[in-house]
Structure formats: C-alpha cells, structure tokens
Amino acid sequence: MNVLAKVKLLKEDKTVIKAFTDKEVAKMIEADDFKTYLNAHNKVMIAMFADTGIRMTELINLQSSWIHDTSMNIFGKGSKWRYIPVSFMLKKYMIRYERIKEAYFKKKKLEHDNYFLSRSGKPLTGVQIENIVRDAGIKANVREEIRCLPHMLRHYAIQSTLRNGLNL
C-alpha cells in the first residue's frame, strides 16, 4: 500500500493580480492629447490596450489594413488570427489619430503598413511601447504597487470585461 496516497496536499491561495482602476486608466488616456502625432499615437495606444486587451507584440505588428469599421484582425500568439471588436469611443480616437498620422507622414513615403509608427516612420519596438505606458502611468499618478507595463493594461481589460458580465 502506498502511504503517500493518504497525504492531503495543502491548497495554495490563488493571488488576484492587482490591475489599474478605471480612474487610473482614464487618467492615463487623458495624459496625452491630439495636438501632435506622438501625443495622439500614445493616447490611442493606451486606449487600445485598455479597451481590447491585445498583447504588446500584437500591437507592434498591427497593420492598418487589418482595421475595419467595428473590429480588427489580430495575428497573435500561436500564429492564430483573432477578431476583436472595437468600442465606439476607441474608434473615435482611432479616426482622429489616423487623420493626424496621415498629415504627419504626408510628404514621406512609408515603407511599413504598421498602424503605429515611430516619428521616423518605422515600426515601434517593445521598449518604446513600455516607455509610453510607463510615462502615461507617471503622468496619471498610478499607485506605486502597480507596474505600469502594457501587460498590466491587458490584465485591466480582461478584469474589466469580467466585471461587466461578459464571458471571455
């Protein structure tokens, strides 16, 4: 007889990941305006993370041609396509951003179709995006125990979706 079969293992408590509050996310989005190309792209990027919960690599690789009126195609983890709905508010921000982006790159022939581009017209890097999110967190006075990273905005989006009663 196996003596270890009678031993009951202790259950560990599952930790709930602390995410941003609704007010903190709103302040992060409000931290930038639509006055310059970089401000607009930072604002829309934070709003997109918070609204859709996409991963940082999915945002980096997001192509302009994958965005539709009420949804966008995402090429994500495991080389799989997902369709993500876009809220009315995010769509309004995206339309303003696209106008500013078009005017900003008017005289420059773009080599990339990425939705978010650096000021020189190249795709963004993960470090650049992390810095944008971190700066927005500083401007918004986010609590110190919250790490201001793109992945934390993903946690926020998922927790927000669950709080609103949607089934993931």
N, C-alpha and C. Protein backbone atom coordinates (compact mmCIF):
# COMPACT_ATOMS: atom_id res chain seq x y z
N MET A 1 0.84 -1.18 0.00
CA MET A 1 0.00 0.00 0.00
C MET A 1 0.89 1.25 0.00
N ASN A 2 0.48 2.24 -0.81
CA ASN A 2 1.23 3.48 -0.94
C ASN A 2 0.81 4.46 0.16
N VAL A 3 1.71 4.76 1.06
CA VAL A 3 1.44 5.64 2.19
C VAL A 3 1.20 7.08 1.71
N LEU A 4 1.89 7.50 0.67
CA LEU A 4 1.77 8.87 0.17
C LEU A 4 0.39 9.16 -0.41
N ALA A 5 -0.35 8.13 -0.80
CA ALA A 5 -1.69 8.33 -1.35
C ALA A 5 -2.63 8.90 -0.31
N LYS A 6 -2.35 8.68 0.98
CA LYS A 6 -3.21 9.18 2.04
C LYS A 6 -2.90 10.62 2.43
N VAL A 7 -1.75 11.14 1.99
CA VAL A 7 -1.34 12.50 2.35
C VAL A 7 -2.14 13.51 1.52
N LYS A 8 -2.78 14.45 2.22
CA LYS A 8 -3.53 15.50 1.53
C LYS A 8 -2.64 16.72 1.38
N LEU A 9 -2.59 17.23 0.17
CA LEU A 9 -1.77 18.41 -0.10
C LEU A 9 -2.54 19.67 0.29
N LEU A 10 -1.81 20.65 0.79
CA LEU A 10 -2.42 21.92 1.13
C LEU A 10 -2.70 22.71 -0.14
N LYS A 11 -3.83 23.39 -0.16
CA LYS A 11 -4.15 24.23 -1.31
C LYS A 11 -3.56 25.61 -1.10
N GLU A 12 -2.96 26.12 -2.15
CA GLU A 12 -2.41 27.47 -2.09
C GLU A 12 -3.48 28.45 -2.55
N ASP A 13 -3.50 29.61 -1.90
CA ASP A 13 -4.44 30.64 -2.33
C ASP A 13 -4.00 31.18 -3.68
N LYS A 14 -4.98 31.39 -4.56
CA LYS A 14 -4.66 31.99 -5.85
C LYS A 14 -4.63 33.50 -5.66
N THR A 15 -3.57 34.11 -6.13
CA THR A 15 -3.46 35.56 -5.98
C THR A 15 -4.15 36.23 -7.16
N VAL A 16 -4.94 37.23 -6.83
CA VAL A 16 -5.59 38.02 -7.88
C VAL A 16 -4.61 39.14 -8.23
N ILE A 17 -4.32 39.23 -9.50
CA ILE A 17 -3.36 40.24 -9.95
C ILE A 17 -4.00 41.62 -9.81
N LYS A 18 -3.29 42.51 -9.13
CA LYS A 18 -3.79 43.88 -8.98
C LYS A 18 -3.60 44.61 -10.29
N ALA A 19 -4.69 45.17 -10.78
CA ALA A 19 -4.64 45.90 -12.03
C ALA A 19 -5.01 47.35 -11.78
N PHE A 20 -4.98 48.14 -12.82
CA PHE A 20 -5.35 49.55 -12.73
C PHE A 20 -6.82 49.69 -12.37
N THR A 21 -7.17 50.82 -11.77
CA THR A 21 -8.58 51.13 -11.56
C THR A 21 -9.09 51.84 -12.81
N ASP A 22 -10.41 51.96 -12.92
CA ASP A 22 -10.99 52.67 -14.07
C ASP A 22 -10.50 54.12 -14.12
N LYS A 23 -10.40 54.74 -12.95
CA LYS A 23 -9.95 56.14 -12.89
C LYS A 23 -8.50 56.28 -13.35
N GLU A 24 -7.66 55.32 -12.93
CA GLU A 24 -6.26 55.38 -13.33
C GLU A 24 -6.11 55.24 -14.84
N VAL A 25 -6.87 54.33 -15.43
CA VAL A 25 -6.79 54.14 -16.88
C VAL A 25 -7.31 55.39 -17.59
N ALA A 26 -8.39 55.96 -17.10
CA ALA A 26 -8.92 57.19 -17.71
C ALA A 26 -7.88 58.30 -17.65
N LYS A 27 -7.19 58.42 -16.51
CA LYS A 27 -6.15 59.44 -16.38
C LYS A 27 -4.97 59.16 -17.31
N MET A 28 -4.64 57.87 -17.49
CA MET A 28 -3.54 57.50 -18.40
C MET A 28 -3.89 57.88 -19.84
N ILE A 29 -5.14 57.66 -20.22
CA ILE A 29 -5.57 58.01 -21.57
C ILE A 29 -5.59 59.53 -21.73
N GLU A 30 -6.04 60.23 -20.69
CA GLU A 30 -6.11 61.70 -20.73
C GLU A 30 -4.74 62.35 -20.62
N ALA A 31 -3.71 61.59 -20.27
CA ALA A 31 -2.36 62.16 -20.09
C ALA A 31 -1.83 62.78 -21.38
N ASP A 32 -2.29 62.31 -22.51
CA ASP A 32 -1.86 62.86 -23.79
C ASP A 32 -3.08 63.42 -24.52
N ASP A 33 -2.79 64.29 -25.49
CA ASP A 33 -3.87 64.90 -26.27
C ASP A 33 -3.67 64.59 -27.76
N PHE A 34 -4.39 65.30 -28.60
CA PHE A 34 -4.28 65.08 -30.04
C PHE A 34 -3.54 66.23 -30.73
N LYS A 35 -2.70 66.96 -29.98
CA LYS A 35 -2.05 68.14 -30.55
C LYS A 35 -0.85 67.80 -31.44
N THR A 36 -0.18 66.69 -31.16
CA THR A 36 0.95 66.28 -32.00
C THR A 36 0.78 64.82 -32.39
N TYR A 37 1.54 64.39 -33.39
CA TYR A 37 1.46 62.99 -33.83
C TYR A 37 1.81 62.04 -32.69
N LEU A 38 2.92 62.30 -31.99
CA LEU A 38 3.35 61.39 -30.94
C LEU A 38 2.36 61.35 -29.77
N ASN A 39 1.81 62.50 -29.40
CA ASN A 39 0.81 62.52 -28.33
C ASN A 39 -0.42 61.71 -28.74
N ALA A 40 -0.86 61.89 -29.98
CA ALA A 40 -2.05 61.17 -30.46
C ALA A 40 -1.79 59.67 -30.48
N HIS A 41 -0.62 59.28 -30.94
CA HIS A 41 -0.34 57.85 -31.03
C HIS A 41 -0.18 57.23 -29.65
N ASN A 42 0.36 57.99 -28.68
CA ASN A 42 0.44 57.48 -27.31
C ASN A 42 -0.96 57.31 -26.70
N LYS A 43 -1.81 58.29 -26.91
CA LYS A 43 -3.17 58.27 -26.36
C LYS A 43 -3.96 57.08 -26.91
N VAL A 44 -3.91 56.89 -28.22
CA VAL A 44 -4.67 55.81 -28.85
C VAL A 44 -4.10 54.45 -28.47
N MET A 45 -2.79 54.39 -28.31
CA MET A 45 -2.15 53.13 -27.92
C MET A 45 -2.63 52.69 -26.52
N ILE A 46 -2.63 53.60 -25.56
CA ILE A 46 -3.10 53.28 -24.21
C ILE A 46 -4.57 52.88 -24.26
N ALA A 47 -5.37 53.64 -25.00
CA ALA A 47 -6.80 53.33 -25.11
C ALA A 47 -7.02 51.97 -25.75
N MET A 48 -6.22 51.63 -26.75
CA MET A 48 -6.36 50.34 -27.43
C MET A 48 -6.00 49.18 -26.51
N PHE A 49 -4.90 49.33 -25.77
CA PHE A 49 -4.54 48.29 -24.80
C PHE A 49 -5.67 48.08 -23.79
N ALA A 50 -6.18 49.18 -23.23
CA ALA A 50 -7.19 49.10 -22.17
C ALA A 50 -8.53 48.60 -22.70
N ASP A 51 -8.86 48.93 -23.93
CA ASP A 51 -10.16 48.57 -24.48
C ASP A 51 -10.21 47.15 -25.03
N THR A 52 -9.10 46.72 -25.65
CA THR A 52 -9.12 45.43 -26.35
C THR A 52 -8.37 44.32 -25.62
N GLY A 53 -7.38 44.69 -24.80
CA GLY A 53 -6.58 43.68 -24.10
C GLY A 53 -5.60 42.96 -25.01
N ILE A 54 -5.21 43.59 -26.12
CA ILE A 54 -4.27 42.91 -27.01
C ILE A 54 -2.87 42.90 -26.38
N ARG A 55 -2.06 41.98 -26.86
CA ARG A 55 -0.69 41.86 -26.38
C ARG A 55 0.20 42.91 -27.04
N MET A 56 1.33 43.20 -26.43
CA MET A 56 2.24 44.19 -26.98
C MET A 56 2.74 43.79 -28.37
N THR A 57 3.09 42.54 -28.56
CA THR A 57 3.57 42.11 -29.89
C THR A 57 2.46 42.22 -30.93
N GLU A 58 1.22 41.99 -30.52
CA GLU A 58 0.09 42.12 -31.45
C GLU A 58 -0.07 43.58 -31.86
N LEU A 59 0.13 44.49 -30.91
CA LEU A 59 0.04 45.92 -31.22
C LEU A 59 1.19 46.35 -32.13
N ILE A 60 2.38 45.86 -31.87
CA ILE A 60 3.54 46.20 -32.71
C ILE A 60 3.30 45.76 -34.15
N ASN A 61 2.74 44.56 -34.34
CA ASN A 61 2.56 44.00 -35.68
C ASN A 61 1.24 44.39 -36.33
N LEU A 62 0.37 45.11 -35.63
CA LEU A 62 -0.93 45.50 -36.16
C LEU A 62 -0.76 46.32 -37.44
N GLN A 63 -1.39 45.86 -38.50
CA GLN A 63 -1.31 46.55 -39.79
C GLN A 63 -2.56 47.40 -40.00
N SER A 64 -2.40 48.52 -40.67
CA SER A 64 -3.53 49.42 -40.93
C SER A 64 -4.63 48.70 -41.71
N SER A 65 -4.24 47.80 -42.60
CA SER A 65 -5.22 47.10 -43.43
C SER A 65 -6.03 46.08 -42.64
N TRP A 66 -5.64 45.77 -41.42
CA TRP A 66 -6.37 44.80 -40.59
C TRP A 66 -7.48 45.45 -39.78
N ILE A 67 -7.59 46.79 -39.87
CA ILE A 67 -8.57 47.51 -39.07
C ILE A 67 -9.80 47.79 -39.92
N HIS A 68 -10.96 47.46 -39.37
CA HIS A 68 -12.23 47.64 -40.07
C HIS A 68 -13.10 48.61 -39.27
N ASP A 69 -14.33 48.81 -39.69
CA ASP A 69 -15.21 49.78 -39.02
C ASP A 69 -15.45 49.48 -37.55
N THR A 70 -15.82 48.25 -37.25
CA THR A 70 -16.19 47.93 -35.87
C THR A 70 -15.33 46.82 -35.25
N SER A 71 -14.31 46.38 -35.97
CA SER A 71 -13.45 45.31 -35.46
C SER A 71 -12.06 45.42 -36.08
N MET A 72 -11.17 44.58 -35.58
CA MET A 72 -9.84 44.48 -36.19
C MET A 72 -9.36 43.04 -36.11
N ASN A 73 -8.58 42.67 -37.09
CA ASN A 73 -7.98 41.34 -37.12
C ASN A 73 -6.65 41.44 -36.39
N ILE A 74 -6.39 40.47 -35.55
CA ILE A 74 -5.13 40.43 -34.80
C ILE A 74 -4.45 39.11 -35.11
N PHE A 75 -3.18 39.20 -35.49
CA PHE A 75 -2.38 37.99 -35.69
C PHE A 75 -1.59 37.80 -34.41
N GLY A 76 -2.00 36.80 -33.62
CA GLY A 76 -1.48 36.69 -32.27
C GLY A 76 -0.66 35.47 -31.98
N LYS A 77 -0.63 35.16 -30.70
CA LYS A 77 0.14 34.05 -30.16
C LYS A 77 -0.25 32.74 -30.84
N GLY A 78 0.73 31.93 -31.12
CA GLY A 78 0.48 30.65 -31.78
C GLY A 78 0.14 30.81 -33.25
N SER A 79 0.51 31.95 -33.82
CA SER A 79 0.24 32.25 -35.23
C SER A 79 -1.24 32.06 -35.58
N LYS A 80 -2.10 32.57 -34.71
CA LYS A 80 -3.54 32.46 -34.92
C LYS A 80 -4.15 33.83 -35.11
N TRP A 81 -5.19 33.89 -35.94
CA TRP A 81 -5.93 35.13 -36.16
C TRP A 81 -7.08 35.21 -35.18
N ARG A 82 -7.31 36.43 -34.65
CA ARG A 82 -8.46 36.69 -33.80
C ARG A 82 -9.15 37.94 -34.33
N TYR A 83 -10.45 38.00 -34.11
CA TYR A 83 -11.21 39.19 -34.46
C TYR A 83 -11.60 39.86 -33.16
N ILE A 84 -11.28 41.14 -33.04
CA ILE A 84 -11.54 41.86 -31.80
C ILE A 84 -12.47 43.03 -32.10
N PRO A 85 -13.56 43.14 -31.36
CA PRO A 85 -14.45 44.28 -31.56
C PRO A 85 -13.79 45.57 -31.06
N VAL A 86 -14.13 46.67 -31.69
CA VAL A 86 -13.61 47.98 -31.31
C VAL A 86 -14.77 48.81 -30.78
N SER A 87 -14.62 49.36 -29.59
CA SER A 87 -15.69 50.17 -28.99
C SER A 87 -15.85 51.48 -29.78
N PHE A 88 -17.00 52.09 -29.61
CA PHE A 88 -17.30 53.35 -30.28
C PHE A 88 -16.29 54.43 -29.90
N MET A 89 -15.96 54.52 -28.61
CA MET A 89 -15.02 55.54 -28.13
C MET A 89 -13.62 55.31 -28.72
N LEU A 90 -13.16 54.07 -28.73
CA LEU A 90 -11.85 53.77 -29.31
C LEU A 90 -11.84 54.10 -30.79
N LYS A 91 -12.91 53.80 -31.48
CA LYS A 91 -12.99 54.08 -32.92
C LYS A 91 -12.89 55.58 -33.18
N LYS A 92 -13.53 56.39 -32.33
CA LYS A 92 -13.43 57.85 -32.47
C LYS A 92 -11.98 58.31 -32.31
N TYR A 93 -11.30 57.77 -31.31
CA TYR A 93 -9.89 58.10 -31.11
C TYR A 93 -9.05 57.67 -32.32
N MET A 94 -9.34 56.48 -32.84
CA MET A 94 -8.57 55.95 -33.97
C MET A 94 -8.75 56.82 -35.21
N ILE A 95 -9.95 57.30 -35.45
CA ILE A 95 -10.20 58.15 -36.62
C ILE A 95 -9.39 59.44 -36.50
N ARG A 96 -9.38 60.06 -35.31
CA ARG A 96 -8.59 61.28 -35.10
C ARG A 96 -7.10 61.00 -35.29
N TYR A 97 -6.64 59.88 -34.74
CA TYR A 97 -5.23 59.50 -34.87
C TYR A 97 -4.86 59.31 -36.34
N GLU A 98 -5.71 58.60 -37.09
CA GLU A 98 -5.42 58.34 -38.50
C GLU A 98 -5.30 59.63 -39.30
N ARG A 99 -6.13 60.62 -39.01
CA ARG A 99 -6.03 61.92 -39.70
C ARG A 99 -4.71 62.61 -39.38
N ILE A 100 -4.34 62.59 -38.10
CA ILE A 100 -3.09 63.22 -37.68
C ILE A 100 -1.90 62.49 -38.28
N LYS A 101 -1.95 61.16 -38.28
CA LYS A 101 -0.87 60.34 -38.85
C LYS A 101 -0.71 60.63 -40.34
N GLU A 102 -1.82 60.71 -41.04
CA GLU A 102 -1.78 60.98 -42.49
C GLU A 102 -1.14 62.34 -42.76
N ALA A 103 -1.52 63.35 -42.00
CA ALA A 103 -0.93 64.68 -42.18
C ALA A 103 0.55 64.69 -41.82
N TYR A 104 0.92 63.97 -40.76
CA TYR A 104 2.30 63.93 -40.29
C TYR A 104 3.23 63.29 -41.33
N PHE A 105 2.77 62.21 -41.96
CA PHE A 105 3.60 61.49 -42.92
C PHE A 105 3.25 61.84 -44.37
N LYS A 106 2.58 62.97 -44.57
CA LYS A 106 2.10 63.37 -45.89
C LYS A 106 3.19 63.37 -46.96
N LYS A 107 4.34 63.94 -46.65
CA LYS A 107 5.41 64.08 -47.63
C LYS A 107 6.39 62.92 -47.63
N LYS A 108 6.19 61.97 -46.74
CA LYS A 108 7.12 60.87 -46.60
C LYS A 108 6.49 59.59 -47.12
N LYS A 109 7.20 58.86 -47.97
CA LYS A 109 6.70 57.58 -48.45
C LYS A 109 6.99 56.53 -47.37
N LEU A 110 5.92 55.94 -46.86
CA LEU A 110 6.09 54.96 -45.79
C LEU A 110 6.41 53.58 -46.35
N GLU A 111 7.37 52.92 -45.72
CA GLU A 111 7.77 51.58 -46.13
C GLU A 111 6.99 50.50 -45.37
N HIS A 112 6.31 50.90 -44.32
CA HIS A 112 5.61 49.94 -43.46
C HIS A 112 4.13 50.28 -43.37
N ASP A 113 3.30 49.24 -43.25
CA ASP A 113 1.86 49.42 -43.11
C ASP A 113 1.43 49.31 -41.65
N ASN A 114 2.41 49.29 -40.73
CA ASN A 114 2.07 49.17 -39.30
C ASN A 114 1.18 50.33 -38.89
N TYR A 115 0.21 50.04 -38.03
CA TYR A 115 -0.73 51.06 -37.58
C TYR A 115 -0.03 52.11 -36.73
N PHE A 116 0.85 51.67 -35.84
CA PHE A 116 1.61 52.60 -35.01
C PHE A 116 3.04 52.64 -35.50
N LEU A 117 3.51 53.84 -35.79
CA LEU A 117 4.87 54.03 -36.29
C LEU A 117 5.60 55.04 -35.41
N SER A 118 6.93 54.92 -35.40
CA SER A 118 7.74 55.90 -34.68
C SER A 118 7.71 57.22 -35.46
N ARG A 119 8.32 58.25 -34.90
CA ARG A 119 8.31 59.55 -35.60
C ARG A 119 9.03 59.49 -36.94
N SER A 120 9.93 58.50 -37.11
CA SER A 120 10.66 58.37 -38.37
C SER A 120 9.96 57.45 -39.36
N GLY A 121 8.83 56.85 -38.96
CA GLY A 121 8.07 56.01 -39.88
C GLY A 121 8.40 54.54 -39.80
N LYS A 122 9.13 54.16 -38.76
CA LYS A 122 9.49 52.74 -38.59
C LYS A 122 8.57 52.10 -37.55
N PRO A 123 8.42 50.76 -37.59
CA PRO A 123 7.62 50.08 -36.56
C PRO A 123 8.21 50.32 -35.17
N LEU A 124 7.35 50.37 -34.18
CA LEU A 124 7.78 50.58 -32.80
C LEU A 124 8.43 49.33 -32.23
N THR A 125 9.25 49.53 -31.22
CA THR A 125 9.85 48.40 -30.50
C THR A 125 9.12 48.22 -29.18
N GLY A 126 9.34 47.08 -28.55
CA GLY A 126 8.73 46.81 -27.26
C GLY A 126 9.17 47.80 -26.20
N VAL A 127 10.44 48.19 -26.23
CA VAL A 127 10.97 49.14 -25.25
C VAL A 127 10.28 50.49 -25.40
N GLN A 128 10.07 50.94 -26.63
CA GLN A 128 9.38 52.21 -26.86
C GLN A 128 7.97 52.17 -26.30
N ILE A 129 7.27 51.08 -26.52
CA ILE A 129 5.89 50.95 -26.05
C ILE A 129 5.86 50.89 -24.52
N GLU A 130 6.78 50.15 -23.92
CA GLU A 130 6.85 50.09 -22.46
C GLU A 130 7.09 51.47 -21.87
N ASN A 131 7.95 52.26 -22.52
CA ASN A 131 8.22 53.62 -22.05
C ASN A 131 6.99 54.51 -22.16
N ILE A 132 6.22 54.35 -23.23
CA ILE A 132 4.99 55.13 -23.41
C ILE A 132 4.00 54.82 -22.29
N VAL A 133 3.82 53.53 -21.98
CA VAL A 133 2.89 53.13 -20.92
C VAL A 133 3.40 53.60 -19.57
N ARG A 134 4.70 53.46 -19.32
CA ARG A 134 5.28 53.89 -18.05
C ARG A 134 5.10 55.40 -17.86
N ASP A 135 5.37 56.18 -18.92
CA ASP A 135 5.22 57.64 -18.84
C ASP A 135 3.77 58.04 -18.58
N ALA A 136 2.84 57.35 -19.23
CA ALA A 136 1.42 57.63 -19.01
C ALA A 136 1.05 57.33 -17.56
N GLY A 137 1.60 56.28 -16.99
CA GLY A 137 1.35 55.93 -15.60
C GLY A 137 1.89 56.99 -14.65
N ILE A 138 3.06 57.52 -14.96
CA ILE A 138 3.65 58.58 -14.13
C ILE A 138 2.79 59.84 -14.20
N LYS A 139 2.40 60.23 -15.40
CA LYS A 139 1.54 61.42 -15.57
C LYS A 139 0.20 61.25 -14.86
N ALA A 140 -0.31 60.01 -14.82
CA ALA A 140 -1.62 59.75 -14.22
C ALA A 140 -1.54 59.46 -12.72
N ASN A 141 -0.35 59.50 -12.16
CA ASN A 141 -0.17 59.23 -10.73
C ASN A 141 -0.71 57.86 -10.31
N VAL A 142 -0.36 56.84 -11.05
CA VAL A 142 -0.81 55.48 -10.75
C VAL A 142 -0.13 55.00 -9.47
N ARG A 143 -0.86 54.22 -8.68
CA ARG A 143 -0.32 53.68 -7.42
C ARG A 143 1.03 53.00 -7.64
N GLU A 144 1.90 53.11 -6.65
CA GLU A 144 3.26 52.56 -6.78
C GLU A 144 3.29 51.04 -6.88
N GLU A 145 2.30 50.36 -6.27
CA GLU A 145 2.33 48.89 -6.30
C GLU A 145 1.92 48.32 -7.67
N ILE A 146 1.44 49.16 -8.56
CA ILE A 146 1.06 48.71 -9.91
C ILE A 146 2.23 48.98 -10.84
N ARG A 147 2.69 47.95 -11.51
CA ARG A 147 3.75 48.12 -12.50
C ARG A 147 3.10 48.62 -13.79
N CYS A 148 3.53 49.74 -14.25
CA CYS A 148 2.94 50.33 -15.45
C CYS A 148 3.58 49.72 -16.70
N LEU A 149 3.02 48.60 -17.11
CA LEU A 149 3.51 47.88 -18.29
C LEU A 149 2.33 47.55 -19.19
N PRO A 150 2.56 47.35 -20.48
CA PRO A 150 1.47 47.00 -21.39
C PRO A 150 0.69 45.77 -20.93
N HIS A 151 1.38 44.80 -20.34
CA HIS A 151 0.69 43.58 -19.93
C HIS A 151 -0.29 43.84 -18.79
N MET A 152 0.01 44.84 -17.95
CA MET A 152 -0.93 45.20 -16.88
C MET A 152 -2.20 45.81 -17.45
N LEU A 153 -2.09 46.50 -18.59
CA LEU A 153 -3.30 47.02 -19.26
C LEU A 153 -4.10 45.86 -19.83
N ARG A 154 -3.43 44.80 -20.23
CA ARG A 154 -4.13 43.59 -20.68
C ARG A 154 -4.92 42.98 -19.52
N HIS A 155 -4.29 42.91 -18.34
CA HIS A 155 -5.00 42.42 -17.15
C HIS A 155 -6.21 43.29 -16.85
N TYR A 156 -6.01 44.61 -16.94
CA TYR A 156 -7.12 45.53 -16.69
C TYR A 156 -8.27 45.26 -17.64
N ALA A 157 -7.97 45.12 -18.93
CA ALA A 157 -9.02 44.91 -19.94
C ALA A 157 -9.80 43.63 -19.65
N ILE A 158 -9.10 42.58 -19.28
CA ILE A 158 -9.76 41.30 -19.02
C ILE A 158 -10.60 41.39 -17.75
N GLN A 159 -10.05 41.98 -16.69
CA GLN A 159 -10.82 42.12 -15.45
C GLN A 159 -12.03 43.03 -15.65
N SER A 160 -11.87 44.08 -16.44
CA SER A 160 -12.97 44.99 -16.73
C SER A 160 -14.08 44.28 -17.50
N THR A 161 -13.68 43.45 -18.45
CA THR A 161 -14.65 42.67 -19.24
C THR A 161 -15.43 41.73 -18.34
N LEU A 162 -14.73 41.08 -17.43
CA LEU A 162 -15.40 40.15 -16.49
C LEU A 162 -16.34 40.90 -15.54
N ARG A 163 -15.89 42.08 -15.05
CA ARG A 163 -16.73 42.88 -14.15
C ARG A 163 -18.02 43.32 -14.84
N ASN A 164 -17.93 43.54 -16.14
CA ASN A 164 -19.10 43.97 -16.90
C ASN A 164 -19.98 42.82 -17.36
N GLY A 165 -19.65 41.61 -16.90
CA GLY A 165 -20.52 40.45 -17.15
C GLY A 165 -20.34 39.74 -18.47
N LEU A 166 -19.30 40.09 -19.22
CA LEU A 166 -19.08 39.41 -20.50
C LEU A 166 -18.32 38.11 -20.27
N ASN A 167 -18.63 37.14 -21.07
CA ASN A 167 -17.97 35.83 -20.97
C ASN A 167 -16.79 35.82 -21.91
N LEU A 168 -15.62 35.57 -21.36
CA LEU A 168 -14.40 35.52 -22.20
C LEU A 168 -14.32 34.21 -22.94
